[in-house]
Amino acid sequence: MLLYGTLSWRMKMDHNCKYEAMDVETVSAKKFSDVTNETAVSDCNNVVVNGTQNSSSLKNGDVLSKKQRKRMEKKEKWLKYKVIKRAKEKEKLKIKKQVALLNNLKLGPSRKQLKHNKMSTSNCKVHVAIDLSFNDLMNDKDIAKCVKQVLHCYSINRKFSDPMQFFLTSFGGRFEKEMEKHDGFRNWDVNFSAEHFTKAFSSDRLVYLTSDSDNVINSLEDEKVYIIGGLVDHNSQKGMCLKVANDLCISHGQLPIGEYLQMNTRKTLTINHVFEIMHHVSHGKTWEEAFLTVIPARKGAQAKEREAGKQGDDGTDMDDMDTGVEIQEKAGTSNGFIEHHDSRSLIT
């Protein structure tokens, strides 16, 4: 019996072994009160106590402003809610596993299985780096959006048995501070480096992705390092990525979206959409298949009717690779950079 809507099926342990339909929220509430109430409340109390201690540990003479007090209260409230939310999520996952077992459903790879998907053992040697050198060009809200898109990139990469070689360059400052909110991120299978990408890789390998480029990328090469600009506010910083590429005298290019698709809306993609498209292409999908798989349906993307052997128009308005503004609120350890084709060892 399959699971639909908000209902879950649990085995009622009586002599008939009948299935009983129960609402997920009801089950979670019952289990939560039985299993996690003591630990959650204890953790919540610790959070509040710690918050109070932090408030009282201010130096003599320092007075919190009204805005600072509200900010502190908001943070304490969020930390308290976070503990309860995590406990409920764990219980829901447990119920989901029970439902899958009863209905012979597959849940996909477990966390333990995903930990075996390492860049160091991957057959995919396509290199993608996100340039995080734009800290000063974004406000805190845009920095947070950029971080979320990077988190999506990591999530995408670790789900493939052969992940791409993923790098974050110029990692530090406000971006690193925002990442600190995500526990354990330093243990992720990502190559973090405080160095600029021009110091991490030889310039002849670099290709900066930007829609303002006249060069169209038709295939991905293992020896190249494709740079995605970690810039969210594309309206005020239009053309910034092309300027960076020209100033550094490195290659640049755009993905061939205009050659394969017609879209009803403005052709803007998030950083993680660009990353996912490249992931699909590096794993054997055509550009058209990758675009149609990743680009949201709300953009009205449709495949162009193309004659056999006919190439797309290079003058077509291409996707804005510099940024992405809107996203849906969607592990191993790496101690340094891996060996590359030019035999240089890049250490964080």
C-alpha atoms as a PDB file:
ATOM      1  CA  MET A   1       0.000   0.000   0.000  1.00  0.00           C
ATOM      2  CA  LEU A   2       1.527   3.309  -1.080  1.00  0.00           C
ATOM      3  CA  LEU A   3       1.842   6.470   0.949  1.00  0.00           C
ATOM      4  CA  TYR A   4      -0.063   9.540  -0.228  1.00  0.00           C
ATOM      5  CA  GLY A   5      -0.662  13.027   1.150  1.00  0.00           C
ATOM      6  CA  THR A   6      -0.041  13.494   4.838  1.00  0.00           C
ATOM      7  CA  LEU A   7      -0.981   9.969   5.862  1.00  0.00           C
ATOM      8  CA  SER A   8       1.520   7.375   6.962  1.00  0.00           C
ATOM      9  CA  TRP A   9       0.942   3.650   7.503  1.00  0.00           C
ATOM     10  CA  ARG A  10       2.205   2.070  10.661  1.00  0.00           C
ATOM     11  CA  MET A  11       1.936  -1.536  11.784  1.00  0.00           C
ATOM     12  CA  LYS A  12      -0.415  -1.965  14.715  1.00  0.00           C
ATOM     13  CA  MET A  13       1.037  -4.756  16.815  1.00  0.00           C
ATOM     14  CA  ASP A  14      -2.055  -6.807  17.585  1.00  0.00           C
ATOM     15  CA  HIS A  15      -2.882 -10.398  16.801  1.00  0.00           C
ATOM     16  CA  ASN A  16      -4.162  -9.475  13.313  1.00  0.00           C
ATOM     17  CA  CYS A  17      -1.137  -7.277  12.420  1.00  0.00           C
ATOM     18  CA  LYS A  18      -3.421  -4.746  10.744  1.00  0.00           C
ATOM     19  CA  TYR A  19      -2.265  -1.468   9.238  1.00  0.00           C
ATOM     20  CA  GLU A  20      -3.547   1.655  10.889  1.00  0.00           C
ATOM     21  CA  ALA A  21      -3.611   5.022   9.070  1.00  0.00           C
ATOM     22  CA  MET A  22      -2.326   7.832  11.230  1.00  0.00           C
ATOM     23  CA  ASP A  23      -1.665  11.466  10.491  1.00  0.00           C
ATOM     24  CA  VAL A  24       2.070  12.215  10.335  1.00  0.00           C
ATOM     25  CA  GLU A  25       1.756  15.249  12.581  1.00  0.00           C
ATOM     26  CA  THR A  26      -0.221  13.248  15.134  1.00  0.00           C
ATOM     27  CA  VAL A  27       2.342  10.469  15.139  1.00  0.00           C
ATOM     28  CA  SER A  28       5.196  12.943  15.376  1.00  0.00           C
ATOM     29  CA  ALA A  29       3.539  14.759  18.255  1.00  0.00           C
ATOM     30  CA  LYS A  30       2.995  11.538  20.190  1.00  0.00           C
ATOM     31  CA  LYS A  31       6.471  10.233  19.581  1.00  0.00           C
ATOM     32  CA  PHE A  32       8.009  13.618  20.193  1.00  0.00           C
ATOM     33  CA  SER A  33       6.370  13.940  23.599  1.00  0.00           C
ATOM     34  CA  ASP A  34       7.397  10.404  24.544  1.00  0.00           C
ATOM     35  CA  VAL A  35      10.913  10.253  23.157  1.00  0.00           C
ATOM     36  CA  THR A  36      12.337  13.745  22.814  1.00  0.00           C
ATOM     37  CA  ASN A  37      10.497  15.827  25.363  1.00  0.00           C
ATOM     38  CA  GLU A  38      13.094  15.501  28.119  1.00  0.00           C
ATOM     39  CA  THR A  39      16.146  16.010  25.901  1.00  0.00           C
ATOM     40  CA  ALA A  40      14.613  18.804  23.852  1.00  0.00           C
ATOM     41  CA  VAL A  41      13.427  20.724  26.891  1.00  0.00           C
ATOM     42  CA  SER A  42      16.786  20.202  28.563  1.00  0.00           C
ATOM     43  CA  ASP A  43      18.643  21.488  25.514  1.00  0.00           C
ATOM     44  CA  CYS A  44      16.253  24.398  25.179  1.00  0.00           C
ATOM     45  CA  ASN A  45      16.806  25.351  28.809  1.00  0.00           C
ATOM     46  CA  ASN A  46      20.541  25.205  28.251  1.00  0.00           C
ATOM     47  CA  VAL A  47      20.185  27.528  25.280  1.00  0.00           C
ATOM     48  CA  VAL A  48      18.209  30.048  27.310  1.00  0.00           C
ATOM     49  CA  VAL A  49      20.624  29.804  30.233  1.00  0.00           C
ATOM     50  CA  ASN A  50      23.593  30.265  27.939  1.00  0.00           C
ATOM     51  CA  GLY A  51      21.882  33.202  26.314  1.00  0.00           C
ATOM     52  CA  THR A  52      21.301  34.761  29.736  1.00  0.00           C
ATOM     53  CA  GLN A  53      24.908  34.150  30.685  1.00  0.00           C
ATOM     54  CA  ASN A  54      26.075  35.773  27.485  1.00  0.00           C
ATOM     55  CA  SER A  55      23.864  38.775  28.206  1.00  0.00           C
ATOM     56  CA  SER A  56      25.155  39.120  31.756  1.00  0.00           C
ATOM     57  CA  SER A  57      28.801  38.640  30.793  1.00  0.00           C
ATOM     58  CA  LEU A  58      29.019  42.036  29.162  1.00  0.00           C
ATOM     59  CA  LYS A  59      31.749  44.296  30.423  1.00  0.00           C
ATOM     60  CA  ASN A  60      30.839  46.810  33.108  1.00  0.00           C
ATOM     61  CA  GLY A  61      29.559  49.980  31.575  1.00  0.00           C
ATOM     62  CA  ASP A  62      28.397  48.351  28.328  1.00  0.00           C
ATOM     63  CA  VAL A  63      24.688  48.830  27.794  1.00  0.00           C
ATOM     64  CA  LEU A  64      22.745  46.977  25.127  1.00  0.00           C
ATOM     65  CA  SER A  65      20.611  49.116  22.901  1.00  0.00           C
ATOM     66  CA  LYS A  66      16.985  48.238  22.271  1.00  0.00           C
ATOM     67  CA  LYS A  67      17.900  46.921  18.825  1.00  0.00           C
ATOM     68  CA  GLN A  68      20.696  44.752  20.249  1.00  0.00           C
ATOM     69  CA  ARG A  69      18.403  43.309  22.920  1.00  0.00           C
ATOM     70  CA  LYS A  70      15.794  42.423  20.310  1.00  0.00           C
ATOM     71  CA  ARG A  71      18.447  40.810  18.155  1.00  0.00           C
ATOM     72  CA  MET A  72      19.714  38.735  21.087  1.00  0.00           C
ATOM     73  CA  GLU A  73      16.195  37.690  22.081  1.00  0.00           C
ATOM     74  CA  LYS A  74      15.468  36.724  18.490  1.00  0.00           C
ATOM     75  CA  LYS A  75      18.630  34.602  18.334  1.00  0.00           C
ATOM     76  CA  GLU A  76      17.824  32.845  21.622  1.00  0.00           C
ATOM     77  CA  LYS A  77      14.297  32.146  20.397  1.00  0.00           C
ATOM     78  CA  TRP A  78      15.645  30.737  17.136  1.00  0.00           C
ATOM     79  CA  LEU A  79      18.147  28.478  18.936  1.00  0.00           C
ATOM     80  CA  LYS A  80      15.391  27.165  21.170  1.00  0.00           C
ATOM     81  CA  TYR A  81      13.133  26.476  18.200  1.00  0.00           C
ATOM     82  CA  LYS A  82      16.012  24.842  16.303  1.00  0.00           C
ATOM     83  CA  VAL A  83      16.424  22.143  18.961  1.00  0.00           C
ATOM     84  CA  ILE A  84      12.730  21.264  18.877  1.00  0.00           C
ATOM     85  CA  LYS A  85      12.618  21.339  15.087  1.00  0.00           C
ATOM     86  CA  ARG A  86      15.594  18.988  14.743  1.00  0.00           C
ATOM     87  CA  ALA A  87      14.036  16.528  17.179  1.00  0.00           C
ATOM     88  CA  LYS A  88      10.771  16.517  15.228  1.00  0.00           C
ATOM     89  CA  GLU A  89      12.608  16.084  11.926  1.00  0.00           C
ATOM     90  CA  LYS A  90      14.472  13.060  13.269  1.00  0.00           C
ATOM     91  CA  GLU A  91      11.230  11.490  14.435  1.00  0.00           C
ATOM     92  CA  LYS A  92       9.540  12.128  11.081  1.00  0.00           C
ATOM     93  CA  LEU A  93      12.477  10.525   9.293  1.00  0.00           C
ATOM     94  CA  LYS A  94      12.169   7.488  11.541  1.00  0.00           C
ATOM     95  CA  ILE A  95       8.477   7.196  10.672  1.00  0.00           C
ATOM     96  CA  LYS A  96       9.273   7.638   6.983  1.00  0.00           C
ATOM     97  CA  LYS A  97      11.692   4.716   7.139  1.00  0.00           C
ATOM     98  CA  GLN A  98       9.053   2.558   8.829  1.00  0.00           C
ATOM     99  CA  VAL A  99       6.542   3.440   6.104  1.00  0.00           C
ATOM    100  CA  ALA A 100       9.055   2.611   3.371  1.00  0.00           C
ATOM    101  CA  LEU A 101       9.829  -0.735   5.009  1.00  0.00           C
ATOM    102  CA  LEU A 102       6.152  -1.659   5.247  1.00  0.00           C
ATOM    103  CA  ASN A 103       5.445  -0.645   1.639  1.00  0.00           C
ATOM    104  CA  ASN A 104       8.691  -1.922   0.093  1.00  0.00           C
ATOM    105  CA  LEU A 105       9.618   1.601  -0.990  1.00  0.00           C
ATOM    106  CA  LYS A 106      13.113   2.923  -1.623  1.00  0.00           C
ATOM    107  CA  LEU A 107      14.256   5.976   0.306  1.00  0.00           C
ATOM    108  CA  GLY A 108      17.386   6.627  -1.716  1.00  0.00           C
ATOM    109  CA  PRO A 109      20.977   6.583  -0.454  1.00  0.00           C
ATOM    110  CA  SER A 110      21.502   6.975   3.269  1.00  0.00           C
ATOM    111  CA  ARG A 111      23.898   9.453   4.873  1.00  0.00           C
ATOM    112  CA  LYS A 112      26.321   6.592   5.446  1.00  0.00           C
ATOM    113  CA  GLN A 113      26.223   5.663   1.761  1.00  0.00           C
ATOM    114  CA  LEU A 114      26.657   9.278   0.658  1.00  0.00           C
ATOM    115  CA  LYS A 115      29.848   9.558   2.697  1.00  0.00           C
ATOM    116  CA  HIS A 116      31.468   7.114   0.279  1.00  0.00           C
ATOM    117  CA  ASN A 117      30.949   9.537  -2.642  1.00  0.00           C
ATOM    118  CA  LYS A 118      34.342  11.248  -2.467  1.00  0.00           C
ATOM    119  CA  MET A 119      35.939  13.673  -4.901  1.00  0.00           C
ATOM    120  CA  SER A 120      39.288  11.959  -4.399  1.00  0.00           C
ATOM    121  CA  THR A 121      37.949   8.651  -5.759  1.00  0.00           C
ATOM    122  CA  SER A 122      35.584  10.138  -8.340  1.00  0.00           C
ATOM    123  CA  ASN A 123      35.919   9.304 -12.028  1.00  0.00           C
ATOM    124  CA  CYS A 124      34.644  12.791 -12.857  1.00  0.00           C
ATOM    125  CA  LYS A 125      37.538  15.245 -13.194  1.00  0.00           C
ATOM    126  CA  VAL A 126      35.563  18.334 -14.234  1.00  0.00           C
ATOM    127  CA  HIS A 127      36.642  21.200 -11.962  1.00  0.00           C
ATOM    128  CA  VAL A 128      34.171  23.866 -10.834  1.00  0.00           C
ATOM    129  CA  ALA A 129      35.133  26.717  -8.515  1.00  0.00           C
ATOM    130  CA  ILE A 130      32.891  29.378  -7.004  1.00  0.00           C
ATOM    131  CA  ASP A 131      34.598  32.749  -6.757  1.00  0.00           C
ATOM    132  CA  LEU A 132      33.762  34.247  -3.355  1.00  0.00           C
ATOM    133  CA  SER A 133      35.771  37.435  -3.763  1.00  0.00           C
ATOM    134  CA  PHE A 134      32.668  39.653  -3.943  1.00  0.00           C
ATOM    135  CA  ASN A 135      32.101  40.065  -0.191  1.00  0.00           C
ATOM    136  CA  ASP A 136      32.295  43.847  -0.388  1.00  0.00           C
ATOM    137  CA  LEU A 137      29.755  44.085  -3.219  1.00  0.00           C
ATOM    138  CA  MET A 138      26.878  42.423  -1.342  1.00  0.00           C
ATOM    139  CA  ASN A 139      24.893  43.224   1.776  1.00  0.00           C
ATOM    140  CA  ASP A 140      24.295  40.674   4.543  1.00  0.00           C
ATOM    141  CA  LYS A 141      21.028  39.494   2.998  1.00  0.00           C
ATOM    142  CA  ASP A 142      22.693  38.762  -0.340  1.00  0.00           C
ATOM    143  CA  ILE A 143      25.608  37.037   1.399  1.00  0.00           C
ATOM    144  CA  ALA A 144      23.085  34.726   3.096  1.00  0.00           C
ATOM    145  CA  LYS A 145      21.442  33.991  -0.273  1.00  0.00           C
ATOM    146  CA  CYS A 146      24.806  33.216  -1.814  1.00  0.00           C
ATOM    147  CA  VAL A 147      25.632  30.821   1.033  1.00  0.00           C
ATOM    148  CA  LYS A 148      22.339  28.974   0.536  1.00  0.00           C
ATOM    149  CA  GLN A 149      23.099  28.515  -3.143  1.00  0.00           C
ATOM    150  CA  VAL A 150      26.553  27.158  -2.308  1.00  0.00           C
ATOM    151  CA  LEU A 151      24.963  24.730   0.161  1.00  0.00           C
ATOM    152  CA  HIS A 152      22.709  23.488  -2.625  1.00  0.00           C
ATOM    153  CA  CYS A 153      25.782  22.941  -4.814  1.00  0.00           C
ATOM    154  CA  TYR A 154      27.365  20.795  -2.109  1.00  0.00           C
ATOM    155  CA  SER A 155      24.137  18.829  -1.673  1.00  0.00           C
ATOM    156  CA  ILE A 156      23.958  18.180  -5.420  1.00  0.00           C
ATOM    157  CA  ASN A 157      27.591  17.111  -5.649  1.00  0.00           C
ATOM    158  CA  ARG A 158      27.516  14.586  -2.805  1.00  0.00           C
ATOM    159  CA  LYS A 159      24.449  12.802  -4.191  1.00  0.00           C
ATOM    160  CA  PHE A 160      26.365  11.642  -7.266  1.00  0.00           C
ATOM    161  CA  SER A 161      28.527   8.546  -7.025  1.00  0.00           C
ATOM    162  CA  ASP A 162      31.129  10.434  -9.090  1.00  0.00           C
ATOM    163  CA  PRO A 163      31.076  14.026  -7.809  1.00  0.00           C
ATOM    164  CA  MET A 164      32.732  16.904  -9.645  1.00  0.00           C
ATOM    165  CA  GLN A 165      35.878  18.489  -8.228  1.00  0.00           C
ATOM    166  CA  PHE A 166      34.303  21.319  -6.214  1.00  0.00           C
ATOM    167  CA  PHE A 167      36.231  24.360  -4.947  1.00  0.00           C
ATOM    168  CA  LEU A 168      35.406  27.489  -2.966  1.00  0.00           C
ATOM    169  CA  THR A 169      38.064  30.155  -3.486  1.00  0.00           C
ATOM    170  CA  SER A 170      38.585  33.447  -1.612  1.00  0.00           C
ATOM    171  CA  PHE A 171      36.801  31.760   1.268  1.00  0.00           C
ATOM    172  CA  GLY A 172      36.711  34.015   4.314  1.00  0.00           C
ATOM    173  CA  GLY A 173      35.297  37.236   5.708  1.00  0.00           C
ATOM    174  CA  ARG A 174      31.536  37.659   5.892  1.00  0.00           C
ATOM    175  CA  PHE A 175      30.984  34.577   3.770  1.00  0.00           C
ATOM    176  CA  GLU A 176      32.865  32.369   6.218  1.00  0.00           C
ATOM    177  CA  LYS A 177      31.020  33.987   9.118  1.00  0.00           C
ATOM    178  CA  GLU A 178      27.686  33.126   7.493  1.00  0.00           C
ATOM    179  CA  MET A 179      28.852  29.554   6.859  1.00  0.00           C
ATOM    180  CA  GLU A 180      29.660  29.181  10.562  1.00  0.00           C
ATOM    181  CA  LYS A 181      25.908  28.951  11.154  1.00  0.00           C
ATOM    182  CA  HIS A 182      25.991  25.500   9.542  1.00  0.00           C
ATOM    183  CA  ASP A 183      27.497  23.027  11.978  1.00  0.00           C
ATOM    184  CA  GLY A 184      30.250  20.791  10.663  1.00  0.00           C
ATOM    185  CA  PHE A 185      30.687  22.489   7.291  1.00  0.00           C
ATOM    186  CA  ARG A 186      34.474  22.247   7.605  1.00  0.00           C
ATOM    187  CA  ASN A 187      34.149  18.454   7.440  1.00  0.00           C
ATOM    188  CA  TRP A 188      32.378  18.587   4.094  1.00  0.00           C
ATOM    189  CA  ASP A 189      33.994  17.109   1.014  1.00  0.00           C
ATOM    190  CA  VAL A 190      34.683  20.542  -0.479  1.00  0.00           C
ATOM    191  CA  ASN A 191      38.018  22.157  -1.296  1.00  0.00           C
ATOM    192  CA  PHE A 192      38.078  25.370   0.766  1.00  0.00           C
ATOM    193  CA  SER A 193      40.774  27.946   0.061  1.00  0.00           C
ATOM    194  CA  ALA A 194      41.329  31.494   1.269  1.00  0.00           C
ATOM    195  CA  GLU A 195      43.409  32.088  -1.859  1.00  0.00           C
ATOM    196  CA  HIS A 196      42.076  33.760  -4.993  1.00  0.00           C
ATOM    197  CA  PHE A 197      41.429  31.342  -7.851  1.00  0.00           C
ATOM    198  CA  THR A 198      44.308  32.856  -9.853  1.00  0.00           C
ATOM    199  CA  LYS A 199      46.695  31.642  -7.146  1.00  0.00           C
ATOM    200  CA  ALA A 200      45.002  28.280  -6.740  1.00  0.00           C
ATOM    201  CA  PHE A 201      45.143  27.362 -10.432  1.00  0.00           C
ATOM    202  CA  SER A 202      47.314  28.200 -13.414  1.00  0.00           C
ATOM    203  CA  SER A 203      45.738  30.915 -15.571  1.00  0.00           C
ATOM    204  CA  ASP A 204      45.698  28.802 -18.743  1.00  0.00           C
ATOM    205  CA  ARG A 205      43.214  26.413 -17.095  1.00  0.00           C
ATOM    206  CA  LEU A 206      40.676  29.054 -16.036  1.00  0.00           C
ATOM    207  CA  VAL A 207      37.356  29.741 -17.776  1.00  0.00           C
ATOM    208  CA  TYR A 208      35.092  32.340 -16.158  1.00  0.00           C
ATOM    209  CA  LEU A 209      31.395  31.745 -16.826  1.00  0.00           C
ATOM    210  CA  THR A 210      29.452  34.852 -17.807  1.00  0.00           C
ATOM    211  CA  SER A 211      26.549  35.550 -20.146  1.00  0.00           C
ATOM    212  CA  ASP A 212      28.296  38.682 -21.385  1.00  0.00           C
ATOM    213  CA  SER A 213      30.970  36.598 -23.075  1.00  0.00           C
ATOM    214  CA  ASP A 214      30.943  36.110 -26.852  1.00  0.00           C
ATOM    215  CA  ASN A 215      32.384  32.619 -26.411  1.00  0.00           C
ATOM    216  CA  VAL A 216      29.984  29.676 -26.232  1.00  0.00           C
ATOM    217  CA  ILE A 217      31.025  26.571 -24.302  1.00  0.00           C
ATOM    218  CA  ASN A 218      29.939  23.472 -26.210  1.00  0.00           C
ATOM    219  CA  SER A 219      31.743  20.848 -24.124  1.00  0.00           C
ATOM    220  CA  LEU A 220      33.354  20.528 -20.698  1.00  0.00           C
ATOM    221  CA  GLU A 221      37.055  19.716 -20.495  1.00  0.00           C
ATOM    222  CA  ASP A 222      38.712  17.961 -17.573  1.00  0.00           C
ATOM    223  CA  GLU A 223      41.829  20.110 -17.665  1.00  0.00           C
ATOM    224  CA  LYS A 224      39.836  23.344 -17.391  1.00  0.00           C
ATOM    225  CA  VAL A 225      38.597  24.994 -14.191  1.00  0.00           C
ATOM    226  CA  TYR A 226      35.185  26.623 -14.656  1.00  0.00           C
ATOM    227  CA  ILE A 227      34.642  29.641 -12.414  1.00  0.00           C
ATOM    228  CA  ILE A 228      31.137  30.609 -11.265  1.00  0.00           C
ATOM    229  CA  GLY A 229      30.889  34.102  -9.832  1.00  0.00           C
ATOM    230  CA  GLY A 230      29.600  34.052  -6.260  1.00  0.00           C
ATOM    231  CA  LEU A 231      27.640  37.231  -6.833  1.00  0.00           C
ATOM    232  CA  VAL A 232      23.929  37.572  -6.111  1.00  0.00           C
ATOM    233  CA  ASP A 233      23.061  41.217  -6.727  1.00  0.00           C
ATOM    234  CA  HIS A 234      23.233  41.000 -10.514  1.00  0.00           C
ATOM    235  CA  ASN A 235      21.129  44.105 -11.138  1.00  0.00           C
ATOM    236  CA  SER A 236      23.667  46.523  -9.660  1.00  0.00           C
ATOM    237  CA  GLN A 237      26.728  44.517 -10.746  1.00  0.00           C
ATOM    238  CA  LYS A 238      25.839  43.601 -14.318  1.00  0.00           C
ATOM    239  CA  GLY A 239      28.880  42.557 -16.343  1.00  0.00           C
ATOM    240  CA  MET A 240      31.113  42.266 -13.276  1.00  0.00           C
ATOM    241  CA  CYS A 241      32.241  38.707 -14.041  1.00  0.00           C
ATOM    242  CA  LEU A 242      33.278  39.591 -17.596  1.00  0.00           C
ATOM    243  CA  LYS A 243      35.191  42.583 -16.253  1.00  0.00           C
ATOM    244  CA  VAL A 244      37.006  40.350 -13.766  1.00  0.00           C
ATOM    245  CA  ALA A 245      37.952  37.907 -16.535  1.00  0.00           C
ATOM    246  CA  ASN A 246      39.214  40.677 -18.826  1.00  0.00           C
ATOM    247  CA  ASP A 247      41.156  42.411 -16.056  1.00  0.00           C
ATOM    248  CA  LEU A 248      42.870  39.124 -15.191  1.00  0.00           C
ATOM    249  CA  CYS A 249      43.409  38.215 -18.868  1.00  0.00           C
ATOM    250  CA  ILE A 250      41.787  34.785 -18.490  1.00  0.00           C
ATOM    251  CA  SER A 251      39.371  32.900 -20.737  1.00  0.00           C
ATOM    252  CA  HIS A 252      35.629  33.365 -20.373  1.00  0.00           C
ATOM    253  CA  GLY A 253      32.519  31.772 -21.858  1.00  0.00           C
ATOM    254  CA  GLN A 254      28.795  31.191 -21.550  1.00  0.00           C
ATOM    255  CA  LEU A 255      26.698  28.032 -21.495  1.00  0.00           C
ATOM    256  CA  PRO A 256      24.776  27.387 -24.751  1.00  0.00           C
ATOM    257  CA  ILE A 257      21.302  27.969 -23.318  1.00  0.00           C
ATOM    258  CA  GLY A 258      20.165  30.144 -26.231  1.00  0.00           C
ATOM    259  CA  GLU A 259      21.132  27.475 -28.739  1.00  0.00           C
ATOM    260  CA  TYR A 260      18.836  24.885 -27.226  1.00  0.00           C
ATOM    261  CA  LEU A 261      15.999  26.645 -25.412  1.00  0.00           C
ATOM    262  CA  GLN A 262      13.305  29.251 -25.820  1.00  0.00           C
ATOM    263  CA  MET A 263      12.156  30.831 -22.553  1.00  0.00           C
ATOM    264  CA  ASN A 264       9.147  32.988 -21.735  1.00  0.00           C
ATOM    265  CA  THR A 265      10.827  34.807 -18.860  1.00  0.00           C
ATOM    266  CA  ARG A 266      14.125  36.481 -18.194  1.00  0.00           C
ATOM    267  CA  LYS A 267      16.952  33.971 -18.484  1.00  0.00           C
ATOM    268  CA  THR A 268      18.483  34.147 -14.999  1.00  0.00           C
ATOM    269  CA  LEU A 269      19.746  31.139 -13.087  1.00  0.00           C
ATOM    270  CA  THR A 270      21.008  30.676  -9.566  1.00  0.00           C
ATOM    271  CA  ILE A 271      24.550  29.552  -8.820  1.00  0.00           C
ATOM    272  CA  ASN A 272      23.314  26.082  -7.883  1.00  0.00           C
ATOM    273  CA  HIS A 273      21.321  25.757 -11.124  1.00  0.00           C
ATOM    274  CA  VAL A 274      24.472  26.464 -13.141  1.00  0.00           C
ATOM    275  CA  PHE A 275      26.386  23.960 -11.012  1.00  0.00           C
ATOM    276  CA  GLU A 276      23.721  21.274 -11.462  1.00  0.00           C
ATOM    277  CA  ILE A 277      23.555  21.785 -15.227  1.00  0.00           C
ATOM    278  CA  MET A 278      27.301  21.279 -15.475  1.00  0.00           C
ATOM    279  CA  HIS A 279      27.017  18.207 -13.268  1.00  0.00           C
ATOM    280  CA  HIS A 280      24.477  16.567 -15.576  1.00  0.00           C
ATOM    281  CA  VAL A 281      26.527  17.360 -18.681  1.00  0.00           C
ATOM    282  CA  SER A 282      29.705  16.018 -17.079  1.00  0.00           C
ATOM    283  CA  HIS A 283      27.832  12.775 -16.380  1.00  0.00           C
ATOM    284  CA  GLY A 284      26.665  12.164 -19.937  1.00  0.00           C
ATOM    285  CA  LYS A 285      23.494  14.200 -20.460  1.00  0.00           C
ATOM    286  CA  THR A 286      23.171  16.512 -23.445  1.00  0.00           C
ATOM    287  CA  TRP A 287      22.991  20.256 -22.880  1.00  0.00           C
ATOM    288  CA  GLU A 288      19.329  20.226 -23.848  1.00  0.00           C
ATOM    289  CA  GLU A 289      18.506  17.434 -21.392  1.00  0.00           C
ATOM    290  CA  ALA A 290      20.427  19.173 -18.619  1.00  0.00           C
ATOM    291  CA  PHE A 291      18.726  22.522 -19.222  1.00  0.00           C
ATOM    292  CA  LEU A 292      15.231  21.031 -19.282  1.00  0.00           C
ATOM    293  CA  THR A 293      15.955  18.974 -16.158  1.00  0.00           C
ATOM    294  CA  VAL A 294      17.261  21.861 -14.063  1.00  0.00           C
ATOM    295  CA  ILE A 295      15.606  25.079 -15.223  1.00  0.00           C
ATOM    296  CA  PRO A 296      12.390  25.704 -13.228  1.00  0.00           C
ATOM    297  CA  ALA A 297       9.114  25.113 -15.078  1.00  0.00           C
ATOM    298  CA  ARG A 298       7.912  28.616 -14.157  1.00  0.00           C
ATOM    299  CA  LYS A 299      10.421  30.023 -16.636  1.00  0.00           C
ATOM    300  CA  GLY A 300       8.573  28.322 -19.490  1.00  0.00           C
ATOM    301  CA  ALA A 301      11.691  26.785 -21.037  1.00  0.00           C
ATOM    302  CA  GLN A 302      11.038  24.825 -24.231  1.00  0.00           C
ATOM    303  CA  ALA A 303      13.441  23.034 -26.524  1.00  0.00           C
ATOM    304  CA  LYS A 304      14.074  24.714 -29.850  1.00  0.00           C
ATOM    305  CA  GLU A 305      13.207  22.864 -33.020  1.00  0.00           C
ATOM    306  CA  ARG A 306      16.576  22.335 -34.613  1.00  0.00           C
ATOM    307  CA  GLU A 307      17.459  20.868 -37.975  1.00  0.00           C
ATOM    308  CA  ALA A 308      19.961  18.039 -38.052  1.00  0.00           C
ATOM    309  CA  GLY A 309      23.463  19.441 -37.880  1.00  0.00           C
ATOM    310  CA  LYS A 310      22.252  23.034 -37.534  1.00  0.00           C
ATOM    311  CA  GLN A 311      24.017  25.119 -34.948  1.00  0.00           C
ATOM    312  CA  GLY A 312      22.312  27.653 -32.750  1.00  0.00           C
ATOM    313  CA  ASP A 313      22.660  31.400 -33.200  1.00  0.00           C
ATOM    314  CA  ASP A 314      25.637  32.638 -31.180  1.00  0.00           C
ATOM    315  CA  GLY A 315      24.030  36.037 -30.962  1.00  0.00           C
ATOM    316  CA  THR A 316      21.110  34.729 -28.941  1.00  0.00           C
ATOM    317  CA  ASP A 317      20.664  36.387 -25.561  1.00  0.00           C
ATOM    318  CA  MET A 318      22.135  33.887 -23.140  1.00  0.00           C
ATOM    319  CA  ASP A 319      21.533  33.176 -19.511  1.00  0.00           C
ATOM    320  CA  ASP A 320      22.954  35.506 -16.887  1.00  0.00           C
ATOM    321  CA  MET A 321      25.637  33.309 -15.406  1.00  0.00           C
ATOM    322  CA  ASP A 322      26.815  35.976 -12.977  1.00  0.00           C
ATOM    323  CA  THR A 323      24.125  35.526 -10.401  1.00  0.00           C
ATOM    324  CA  GLY A 324      20.819  34.251  -9.125  1.00  0.00           C
ATOM    325  CA  VAL A 325      18.361  36.172  -7.015  1.00  0.00           C
ATOM    326  CA  GLU A 326      15.581  33.841  -6.051  1.00  0.00           C
ATOM    327  CA  ILE A 327      15.879  30.292  -4.755  1.00  0.00           C
ATOM    328  CA  GLN A 328      13.607  27.971  -2.904  1.00  0.00           C
ATOM    329  CA  GLU A 329      14.604  27.505   0.784  1.00  0.00           C
ATOM    330  CA  LYS A 330      15.978  23.915  -0.362  1.00  0.00           C
ATOM    331  CA  ALA A 331      30.420  14.020   4.215  1.00  0.00           C
ATOM    332  CA  GLY A 332      33.742  13.541   4.447  1.00  0.00           C
ATOM    333  CA  THR A 333      36.740  15.681   5.312  1.00  0.00           C
ATOM    334  CA  SER A 334      38.944  17.613   2.887  1.00  0.00           C
ATOM    335  CA  ASN A 335      42.177  18.895   4.361  1.00  0.00           C
ATOM    336  CA  GLY A 336      43.363  20.576   1.208  1.00  0.00           C
ATOM    337  CA  PHE A 337      43.269  20.679  -2.553  1.00  0.00           C
ATOM    338  CA  ILE A 338      43.791  17.493  -4.526  1.00  0.00           C
ATOM    339  CA  GLU A 339      46.466  16.876  -7.112  1.00  0.00           C
ATOM    340  CA  HIS A 340      45.679  18.392 -10.506  1.00  0.00           C
ATOM    341  CA  HIS A 341      46.705  17.725 -14.066  1.00  0.00           C
ATOM    342  CA  ASP A 342      49.601  20.176 -13.821  1.00  0.00           C
ATOM    343  CA  SER A 343      50.941  18.182 -10.824  1.00  0.00           C
ATOM    344  CA  ARG A 344      50.656  21.138  -8.430  1.00  0.00           C
ATOM    345  CA  SER A 345      49.493  20.444  -4.896  1.00  0.00           C
ATOM    346  CA  LEU A 346      47.218  23.222  -3.697  1.00  0.00           C
ATOM    347  CA  ILE A 347      46.979  23.424   0.077  1.00  0.00           C
ATOM    348  CA  THR A 348      44.395  25.487   1.935  1.00  0.00           C
END
